[in-house]
Amino acid sequence: MAGHSKWANIKHKKARTDASRGKIFTKFIREITVAARLGGPSEADNPRLRAIVSKALGANMTRDVVNRAISRGAGGDDDKKLDELTYEGYGVGGVAVLVETMTDNINRTVSEVRHGFSKNGGNLGTNGSVAYLFAKRGEIVFSAATHEDQLLEVALEAGADDVESDDDGFTVVTTPEAFGAVVDALEAAGLKPEQAEVTMQASTQADITVLEQAEKILKMIDMLEDLDDVQNVYTNANFSEAVMAALNA
């Protein structure tokens, strides 16, 4: 079992305490609609749709709202054509950053994303400059109180790739395609995750030991995530224990 990233814990905490619920729901609806349009309305047959629906329901979006978004996408009733684009760059301390967007105006989006980088000491890079550092995977997070042996047995039997652990708990790792089936198996066994999502995991980490750099990185992430066209922001930032303590103080 591999060690779990400290940055993931900050990301999870941040997601749970984000006050912009309306904006988050709007982004979920947009992604659900596009996923249903591209891959069909069946969650069982559309791993991308299943993953975003799971994330939306975990954020307390109602099933009725989810179903309406699926129907709109499957019916081809999108109000406008959205392009999916990923921007890559670096923040302070050499932190690699991936920004996933959905937009009906590419010029507007690239301008706003570039401003988010430059405003906080970063630089927007070229295609491929940092994408090779990240791989998509499913992450299903459980508290430290979870029964480890049962979690391992059920997860691996259901097709999970690994179960990572740290002091805060466990993370079941899957391929994007196996994510839905593994979540179903865990929940059927009475194992309720704290969070479940398909995300991007960095193969290497940029260690951040200076509080001012950490604050600037978080400010950049907040600024980028607040953009209407931005769906997700991923980094390989790994804050030291001293920085973590200062951030959480």
C-alpha atoms as a PDB file:
ATOM      1  CA  MET A   1       0.000   0.000   0.000  1.00  0.00           C
ATOM      2  CA  ALA A   2       1.465   3.301  -1.061  1.00  0.00           C
ATOM      3  CA  GLY A   3       1.498   6.547   0.909  1.00  0.00           C
ATOM      4  CA  HIS A   4      -1.297   9.040   0.239  1.00  0.00           C
ATOM      5  CA  SER A   5      -0.479  12.610  -0.867  1.00  0.00           C
ATOM      6  CA  LYS A   6      -0.777  15.346   1.749  1.00  0.00           C
ATOM      7  CA  TRP A   7      -1.964  17.749  -0.963  1.00  0.00           C
ATOM      8  CA  ALA A   8      -4.938  15.456  -1.597  1.00  0.00           C
ATOM      9  CA  ASN A   9      -6.039  16.010   1.987  1.00  0.00           C
ATOM     10  CA  ILE A  10      -5.947  19.786   1.549  1.00  0.00           C
ATOM     11  CA  LYS A  11      -7.826  19.441  -1.724  1.00  0.00           C
ATOM     12  CA  HIS A  12     -10.520  17.290  -0.103  1.00  0.00           C
ATOM     13  CA  LYS A  13     -10.879  19.650   2.837  1.00  0.00           C
ATOM     14  CA  LYS A  14     -11.067  22.629   0.506  1.00  0.00           C
ATOM     15  CA  ALA A  15     -13.736  20.983  -1.619  1.00  0.00           C
ATOM     16  CA  ARG A  16     -15.886  20.221   1.410  1.00  0.00           C
ATOM     17  CA  THR A  17     -15.673  23.785   2.747  1.00  0.00           C
ATOM     18  CA  ASP A  18     -16.007  25.677  -0.526  1.00  0.00           C
ATOM     19  CA  ALA A  19     -18.756  28.261  -0.106  1.00  0.00           C
ATOM     20  CA  SER A  20     -19.464  28.708  -3.837  1.00  0.00           C
ATOM     21  CA  ARG A  21     -21.967  25.851  -3.963  1.00  0.00           C
ATOM     22  CA  GLY A  22     -24.059  27.429  -6.716  1.00  0.00           C
ATOM     23  CA  LYS A  23     -21.064  27.845  -8.995  1.00  0.00           C
ATOM     24  CA  ILE A  24     -19.883  24.295  -8.269  1.00  0.00           C
ATOM     25  CA  PHE A  25     -23.315  22.901  -9.130  1.00  0.00           C
ATOM     26  CA  THR A  26     -23.322  24.859 -12.395  1.00  0.00           C
ATOM     27  CA  LYS A  27     -20.015  23.244 -13.331  1.00  0.00           C
ATOM     28  CA  PHE A  28     -21.322  19.784 -12.430  1.00  0.00           C
ATOM     29  CA  ILE A  29     -24.398  20.295 -14.596  1.00  0.00           C
ATOM     30  CA  ARG A  30     -22.256  21.424 -17.521  1.00  0.00           C
ATOM     31  CA  GLU A  31     -19.981  18.385 -17.284  1.00  0.00           C
ATOM     32  CA  ILE A  32     -22.882  15.949 -16.793  1.00  0.00           C
ATOM     33  CA  THR A  33     -24.622  17.355 -19.865  1.00  0.00           C
ATOM     34  CA  VAL A  34     -21.505  17.062 -22.031  1.00  0.00           C
ATOM     35  CA  ALA A  35     -20.695  13.564 -20.752  1.00  0.00           C
ATOM     36  CA  ALA A  36     -24.232  12.382 -21.531  1.00  0.00           C
ATOM     37  CA  ARG A  37     -24.127  13.944 -24.986  1.00  0.00           C
ATOM     38  CA  LEU A  38     -20.791  12.325 -25.870  1.00  0.00           C
ATOM     39  CA  GLY A  39     -21.176   8.916 -24.214  1.00  0.00           C
ATOM     40  CA  GLY A  40     -24.901   8.374 -23.794  1.00  0.00           C
ATOM     41  CA  PRO A  41     -27.239   8.630 -20.794  1.00  0.00           C
ATOM     42  CA  SER A  42     -26.496   5.246 -19.203  1.00  0.00           C
ATOM     43  CA  GLU A  43     -24.248   5.643 -16.170  1.00  0.00           C
ATOM     44  CA  ALA A  44     -23.430   1.932 -16.277  1.00  0.00           C
ATOM     45  CA  ASP A  45     -22.111   2.208 -19.837  1.00  0.00           C
ATOM     46  CA  ASN A  46     -20.564   5.673 -19.608  1.00  0.00           C
ATOM     47  CA  PRO A  47     -17.685   5.764 -17.069  1.00  0.00           C
ATOM     48  CA  ARG A  48     -17.162   9.481 -17.474  1.00  0.00           C
ATOM     49  CA  LEU A  49     -20.819  10.191 -16.739  1.00  0.00           C
ATOM     50  CA  ARG A  50     -20.849   7.809 -13.789  1.00  0.00           C
ATOM     51  CA  ALA A  51     -17.812   9.511 -12.257  1.00  0.00           C
ATOM     52  CA  ILE A  52     -19.162  13.056 -12.448  1.00  0.00           C
ATOM     53  CA  VAL A  53     -22.622  11.989 -11.262  1.00  0.00           C
ATOM     54  CA  SER A  54     -21.027  10.315  -8.241  1.00  0.00           C
ATOM     55  CA  LYS A  55     -19.083  13.478  -7.480  1.00  0.00           C
ATOM     56  CA  ALA A  56     -22.160  15.673  -7.881  1.00  0.00           C
ATOM     57  CA  LEU A  57     -24.315  13.500  -5.636  1.00  0.00           C
ATOM     58  CA  GLY A  58     -21.491  13.462  -3.079  1.00  0.00           C
ATOM     59  CA  ALA A  59     -21.673  17.263  -3.050  1.00  0.00           C
ATOM     60  CA  ASN A  60     -25.407  17.022  -2.238  1.00  0.00           C
ATOM     61  CA  MET A  61     -26.762  17.794  -5.681  1.00  0.00           C
ATOM     62  CA  THR A  62     -30.218  16.221  -5.932  1.00  0.00           C
ATOM     63  CA  ARG A  63     -30.886  13.257  -8.209  1.00  0.00           C
ATOM     64  CA  ASP A  64     -33.631  15.249  -9.976  1.00  0.00           C
ATOM     65  CA  VAL A  65     -31.165  17.938 -11.019  1.00  0.00           C
ATOM     66  CA  VAL A  66     -28.672  15.285 -12.160  1.00  0.00           C
ATOM     67  CA  ASN A  67     -31.314  13.475 -14.207  1.00  0.00           C
ATOM     68  CA  ARG A  68     -32.419  16.687 -15.914  1.00  0.00           C
ATOM     69  CA  ALA A  69     -28.828  17.416 -16.926  1.00  0.00           C
ATOM     70  CA  ILE A  70     -28.442  13.883 -18.300  1.00  0.00           C
ATOM     71  CA  SER A  71     -31.676  14.180 -20.272  1.00  0.00           C
ATOM     72  CA  ARG A  72     -30.633  17.531 -21.689  1.00  0.00           C
ATOM     73  CA  GLY A  73     -27.293  16.151 -22.838  1.00  0.00           C
ATOM     74  CA  ALA A  74     -28.684  12.904 -24.220  1.00  0.00           C
ATOM     75  CA  GLY A  75     -31.352  14.820 -26.129  1.00  0.00           C
ATOM     76  CA  GLY A  76     -28.807  17.112 -27.739  1.00  0.00           C
ATOM     77  CA  ASP A  77     -30.533  20.154 -26.282  1.00  0.00           C
ATOM     78  CA  ASP A  78     -27.369  22.014 -25.237  1.00  0.00           C
ATOM     79  CA  ASP A  79     -27.822  25.755 -25.472  1.00  0.00           C
ATOM     80  CA  LYS A  80     -24.387  26.155 -27.017  1.00  0.00           C
ATOM     81  CA  LYS A  81     -21.424  24.144 -28.232  1.00  0.00           C
ATOM     82  CA  LEU A  82     -18.738  23.767 -25.584  1.00  0.00           C
ATOM     83  CA  ASP A  83     -15.103  23.021 -26.372  1.00  0.00           C
ATOM     84  CA  GLU A  84     -13.115  21.002 -23.833  1.00  0.00           C
ATOM     85  CA  LEU A  85      -9.592  22.354 -23.469  1.00  0.00           C
ATOM     86  CA  THR A  86      -6.799  21.684 -20.982  1.00  0.00           C
ATOM     87  CA  TYR A  87      -4.239  24.378 -20.168  1.00  0.00           C
ATOM     88  CA  GLU A  88      -0.845  23.621 -18.654  1.00  0.00           C
ATOM     89  CA  GLY A  89       1.640  25.713 -16.750  1.00  0.00           C
ATOM     90  CA  TYR A  90       3.742  26.275 -13.655  1.00  0.00           C
ATOM     91  CA  GLY A  91       3.164  28.059 -10.379  1.00  0.00           C
ATOM     92  CA  VAL A  92       5.723  29.344  -7.897  1.00  0.00           C
ATOM     93  CA  GLY A  93       8.174  26.770  -6.596  1.00  0.00           C
ATOM     94  CA  GLY A  94       8.064  24.873  -9.893  1.00  0.00           C
ATOM     95  CA  VAL A  95       4.590  23.463  -9.172  1.00  0.00           C
ATOM     96  CA  ALA A  96       2.999  21.861 -12.249  1.00  0.00           C
ATOM     97  CA  VAL A  97      -0.604  22.898 -12.917  1.00  0.00           C
ATOM     98  CA  LEU A  98      -3.318  21.410 -15.163  1.00  0.00           C
ATOM     99  CA  VAL A  99      -6.500  23.412 -15.798  1.00  0.00           C
ATOM    100  CA  GLU A 100      -9.473  21.636 -17.386  1.00  0.00           C
ATOM    101  CA  THR A 101     -12.024  23.931 -19.038  1.00  0.00           C
ATOM    102  CA  MET A 102     -15.298  23.868 -20.965  1.00  0.00           C
ATOM    103  CA  THR A 103     -15.882  27.000 -23.002  1.00  0.00           C
ATOM    104  CA  ASP A 104     -17.928  28.594 -25.763  1.00  0.00           C
ATOM    105  CA  ASN A 105     -15.281  31.306 -26.210  1.00  0.00           C
ATOM    106  CA  ILE A 106     -11.693  30.080 -26.396  1.00  0.00           C
ATOM    107  CA  ASN A 107     -10.152  33.547 -26.578  1.00  0.00           C
ATOM    108  CA  ARG A 108     -11.899  34.615 -23.371  1.00  0.00           C
ATOM    109  CA  THR A 109     -10.906  31.450 -21.553  1.00  0.00           C
ATOM    110  CA  VAL A 110      -7.219  31.469 -22.438  1.00  0.00           C
ATOM    111  CA  SER A 111      -6.993  35.149 -21.495  1.00  0.00           C
ATOM    112  CA  GLU A 112      -8.587  34.542 -18.087  1.00  0.00           C
ATOM    113  CA  VAL A 113      -6.502  31.434 -17.377  1.00  0.00           C
ATOM    114  CA  ARG A 114      -3.274  33.199 -18.384  1.00  0.00           C
ATOM    115  CA  HIS A 115      -4.174  36.061 -16.032  1.00  0.00           C
ATOM    116  CA  GLY A 116      -4.760  33.578 -13.191  1.00  0.00           C
ATOM    117  CA  PHE A 117      -1.244  32.219 -13.645  1.00  0.00           C
ATOM    118  CA  SER A 118       0.583  35.526 -14.105  1.00  0.00           C
ATOM    119  CA  LYS A 119      -1.271  37.290 -11.272  1.00  0.00           C
ATOM    120  CA  ASN A 120       0.141  34.738  -8.831  1.00  0.00           C
ATOM    121  CA  GLY A 121       3.718  34.339 -10.032  1.00  0.00           C
ATOM    122  CA  GLY A 122       3.035  31.495 -12.473  1.00  0.00           C
ATOM    123  CA  ASN A 123       3.370  30.996 -16.217  1.00  0.00           C
ATOM    124  CA  LEU A 124       1.031  29.418 -18.741  1.00  0.00           C
ATOM    125  CA  GLY A 125       2.946  26.797 -20.715  1.00  0.00           C
ATOM    126  CA  THR A 126       2.618  25.010 -24.037  1.00  0.00           C
ATOM    127  CA  ASN A 127       0.654  21.819 -24.692  1.00  0.00           C
ATOM    128  CA  GLY A 128       2.507  18.857 -23.233  1.00  0.00           C
ATOM    129  CA  SER A 129       4.672  20.898 -20.898  1.00  0.00           C
ATOM    130  CA  VAL A 130       3.277  19.276 -17.728  1.00  0.00           C
ATOM    131  CA  ALA A 131       0.526  16.868 -18.863  1.00  0.00           C
ATOM    132  CA  TYR A 132       2.997  13.968 -18.950  1.00  0.00           C
ATOM    133  CA  LEU A 133       3.335  14.287 -15.161  1.00  0.00           C
ATOM    134  CA  PHE A 134      -0.339  13.434 -14.547  1.00  0.00           C
ATOM    135  CA  ALA A 135      -2.481  10.327 -14.993  1.00  0.00           C
ATOM    136  CA  LYS A 136      -6.246  10.010 -14.585  1.00  0.00           C
ATOM    137  CA  ARG A 137      -7.475   7.645 -11.883  1.00  0.00           C
ATOM    138  CA  GLY A 138     -10.410   7.019  -9.584  1.00  0.00           C
ATOM    139  CA  GLU A 139      -9.968   7.828  -5.887  1.00  0.00           C
ATOM    140  CA  ILE A 140     -12.414   6.580  -3.243  1.00  0.00           C
ATOM    141  CA  VAL A 141     -11.561   8.016   0.177  1.00  0.00           C
ATOM    142  CA  PHE A 142     -12.340   6.401   3.555  1.00  0.00           C
ATOM    143  CA  SER A 143     -11.665   7.507   7.130  1.00  0.00           C
ATOM    144  CA  ALA A 144      -9.043   5.884   9.341  1.00  0.00           C
ATOM    145  CA  ALA A 145     -11.854   4.165  11.271  1.00  0.00           C
ATOM    146  CA  THR A 146     -12.657   1.968   8.268  1.00  0.00           C
ATOM    147  CA  HIS A 147     -11.965  -1.757   8.706  1.00  0.00           C
ATOM    148  CA  GLU A 148      -8.789  -2.144   6.647  1.00  0.00           C
ATOM    149  CA  ASP A 149      -8.972  -5.870   5.915  1.00  0.00           C
ATOM    150  CA  GLN A 150     -12.559  -5.662   4.699  1.00  0.00           C
ATOM    151  CA  LEU A 151     -11.763  -2.601   2.579  1.00  0.00           C
ATOM    152  CA  LEU A 152      -8.827  -4.346   0.941  1.00  0.00           C
ATOM    153  CA  GLU A 153     -10.754  -7.526   0.260  1.00  0.00           C
ATOM    154  CA  VAL A 154     -13.823  -5.853  -1.242  1.00  0.00           C
ATOM    155  CA  ALA A 155     -11.901  -3.230  -3.227  1.00  0.00           C
ATOM    156  CA  LEU A 156      -9.427  -5.588  -4.846  1.00  0.00           C
ATOM    157  CA  GLU A 157     -12.093  -8.201  -5.567  1.00  0.00           C
ATOM    158  CA  ALA A 158     -14.149  -5.516  -7.319  1.00  0.00           C
ATOM    159  CA  GLY A 159     -11.252  -4.537  -9.579  1.00  0.00           C
ATOM    160  CA  ALA A 160      -9.430  -1.750  -7.732  1.00  0.00           C
ATOM    161  CA  ASP A 161      -5.748  -1.252  -8.552  1.00  0.00           C
ATOM    162  CA  ASP A 162      -4.529  -0.444  -5.040  1.00  0.00           C
ATOM    163  CA  VAL A 163      -5.453   0.808  -1.578  1.00  0.00           C
ATOM    164  CA  GLU A 164      -3.252   3.645  -0.307  1.00  0.00           C
ATOM    165  CA  SER A 165      -3.055   4.668   3.338  1.00  0.00           C
ATOM    166  CA  ASP A 166      -1.846   7.462   5.570  1.00  0.00           C
ATOM    167  CA  ASP A 167      -2.650   8.745   9.052  1.00  0.00           C
ATOM    168  CA  ASP A 168      -5.931  10.253   7.838  1.00  0.00           C
ATOM    169  CA  GLY A 169      -7.343   7.081   6.298  1.00  0.00           C
ATOM    170  CA  PHE A 170      -7.446   5.092   3.081  1.00  0.00           C
ATOM    171  CA  THR A 171      -7.773   5.819  -0.625  1.00  0.00           C
ATOM    172  CA  VAL A 172      -8.957   3.103  -2.992  1.00  0.00           C
ATOM    173  CA  VAL A 173      -7.366   3.636  -6.420  1.00  0.00           C
ATOM    174  CA  THR A 174      -9.054   2.501  -9.642  1.00  0.00           C
ATOM    175  CA  THR A 175      -8.908   3.037 -13.361  1.00  0.00           C
ATOM    176  CA  PRO A 176     -11.541   5.503 -14.592  1.00  0.00           C
ATOM    177  CA  GLU A 177     -13.361   2.612 -16.270  1.00  0.00           C
ATOM    178  CA  ALA A 178     -13.560   0.510 -13.087  1.00  0.00           C
ATOM    179  CA  PHE A 179     -14.483   3.409 -10.801  1.00  0.00           C
ATOM    180  CA  GLY A 180     -18.257   2.936 -10.830  1.00  0.00           C
ATOM    181  CA  ALA A 181     -18.172  -0.817 -10.281  1.00  0.00           C
ATOM    182  CA  VAL A 182     -15.750  -0.485  -7.362  1.00  0.00           C
ATOM    183  CA  VAL A 183     -17.872   2.234  -5.708  1.00  0.00           C
ATOM    184  CA  ASP A 184     -20.956   0.028  -6.078  1.00  0.00           C
ATOM    185  CA  ALA A 185     -19.203  -2.981  -4.555  1.00  0.00           C
ATOM    186  CA  LEU A 186     -17.868  -1.003  -1.599  1.00  0.00           C
ATOM    187  CA  GLU A 187     -21.235   0.568  -0.835  1.00  0.00           C
ATOM    188  CA  ALA A 188     -22.968  -2.819  -1.172  1.00  0.00           C
ATOM    189  CA  ALA A 189     -20.569  -4.126   1.479  1.00  0.00           C
ATOM    190  CA  GLY A 190     -21.577  -1.302   3.823  1.00  0.00           C
ATOM    191  CA  LEU A 191     -18.415   0.732   3.224  1.00  0.00           C
ATOM    192  CA  LYS A 192     -19.495   4.341   2.674  1.00  0.00           C
ATOM    193  CA  PRO A 193     -16.751   6.591   1.258  1.00  0.00           C
ATOM    194  CA  GLU A 194     -16.160  10.128   2.477  1.00  0.00           C
ATOM    195  CA  GLN A 195     -15.446  11.184  -1.091  1.00  0.00           C
ATOM    196  CA  ALA A 196     -15.260   9.521  -4.496  1.00  0.00           C
ATOM    197  CA  GLU A 197     -14.050  11.072  -7.740  1.00  0.00           C
ATOM    198  CA  VAL A 198     -12.057  10.552 -10.897  1.00  0.00           C
ATOM    199  CA  THR A 199      -9.101  12.902 -10.683  1.00  0.00           C
ATOM    200  CA  MET A 200      -5.584  13.497 -12.006  1.00  0.00           C
ATOM    201  CA  GLN A 201      -2.680  12.144  -9.953  1.00  0.00           C
ATOM    202  CA  ALA A 202       0.853  13.489 -10.371  1.00  0.00           C
ATOM    203  CA  SER A 203       3.716  11.028 -10.831  1.00  0.00           C
ATOM    204  CA  THR A 204       6.181  13.399  -9.149  1.00  0.00           C
ATOM    205  CA  GLN A 205       5.665  16.075  -6.526  1.00  0.00           C
ATOM    206  CA  ALA A 206       7.008  19.592  -6.041  1.00  0.00           C
ATOM    207  CA  ASP A 207       7.923  20.011  -2.383  1.00  0.00           C
ATOM    208  CA  ILE A 208       6.817  23.347  -0.937  1.00  0.00           C
ATOM    209  CA  THR A 209       8.475  24.323   2.345  1.00  0.00           C
ATOM    210  CA  VAL A 210       7.882  28.096   2.304  1.00  0.00           C
ATOM    211  CA  LEU A 211       4.537  29.338   3.631  1.00  0.00           C
ATOM    212  CA  GLU A 212       4.435  32.346   1.308  1.00  0.00           C
ATOM    213  CA  GLN A 213       4.797  30.067  -1.715  1.00  0.00           C
ATOM    214  CA  ALA A 214       2.048  27.774  -0.444  1.00  0.00           C
ATOM    215  CA  GLU A 215      -0.291  30.717   0.067  1.00  0.00           C
ATOM    216  CA  LYS A 216       0.412  31.979  -3.446  1.00  0.00           C
ATOM    217  CA  ILE A 217      -0.244  28.526  -4.919  1.00  0.00           C
ATOM    218  CA  LEU A 218      -3.567  28.256  -3.099  1.00  0.00           C
ATOM    219  CA  LYS A 219      -4.511  31.780  -4.165  1.00  0.00           C
ATOM    220  CA  MET A 220      -3.774  30.864  -7.784  1.00  0.00           C
ATOM    221  CA  ILE A 221      -5.885  27.699  -7.519  1.00  0.00           C
ATOM    222  CA  ASP A 222      -8.761  29.666  -5.976  1.00  0.00           C
ATOM    223  CA  MET A 223      -8.556  32.285  -8.716  1.00  0.00           C
ATOM    224  CA  LEU A 224      -8.537  29.684 -11.488  1.00  0.00           C
ATOM    225  CA  GLU A 225     -11.326  27.594  -9.954  1.00  0.00           C
ATOM    226  CA  ASP A 226     -13.476  30.702  -9.631  1.00  0.00           C
ATOM    227  CA  LEU A 227     -13.475  31.205 -13.411  1.00  0.00           C
ATOM    228  CA  ASP A 228     -16.788  30.195 -14.975  1.00  0.00           C
ATOM    229  CA  ASP A 229     -15.096  28.221 -17.770  1.00  0.00           C
ATOM    230  CA  VAL A 230     -12.809  26.205 -15.465  1.00  0.00           C
ATOM    231  CA  GLN A 231     -13.997  22.747 -14.420  1.00  0.00           C
ATOM    232  CA  ASN A 232     -10.987  21.396 -12.499  1.00  0.00           C
ATOM    233  CA  VAL A 233      -7.512  22.476 -11.392  1.00  0.00           C
ATOM    234  CA  TYR A 234      -4.806  19.931 -10.539  1.00  0.00           C
ATOM    235  CA  THR A 235      -1.294  20.463  -9.187  1.00  0.00           C
ATOM    236  CA  ASN A 236       1.614  18.384  -7.939  1.00  0.00           C
ATOM    237  CA  ALA A 237       2.203  20.631  -4.911  1.00  0.00           C
ATOM    238  CA  ASN A 238       3.334  18.743  -1.793  1.00  0.00           C
ATOM    239  CA  PHE A 239       3.381  20.978   1.271  1.00  0.00           C
ATOM    240  CA  SER A 240       5.737  20.220   4.162  1.00  0.00           C
ATOM    241  CA  GLU A 241       4.293  19.394   7.580  1.00  0.00           C
ATOM    242  CA  ALA A 242       5.291  22.831   8.885  1.00  0.00           C
ATOM    243  CA  VAL A 243       3.521  24.545   5.986  1.00  0.00           C
ATOM    244  CA  MET A 244       0.477  22.288   6.450  1.00  0.00           C
ATOM    245  CA  ALA A 245       0.293  23.255  10.115  1.00  0.00           C
ATOM    246  CA  ALA A 246       0.545  26.954   9.295  1.00  0.00           C
ATOM    247  CA  LEU A 247      -2.122  26.712   6.587  1.00  0.00           C
ATOM    248  CA  ASN A 248      -4.514  24.912   8.920  1.00  0.00           C
ATOM    249  CA  ALA A 249      -3.859  27.218  11.865  1.00  0.00           C
END
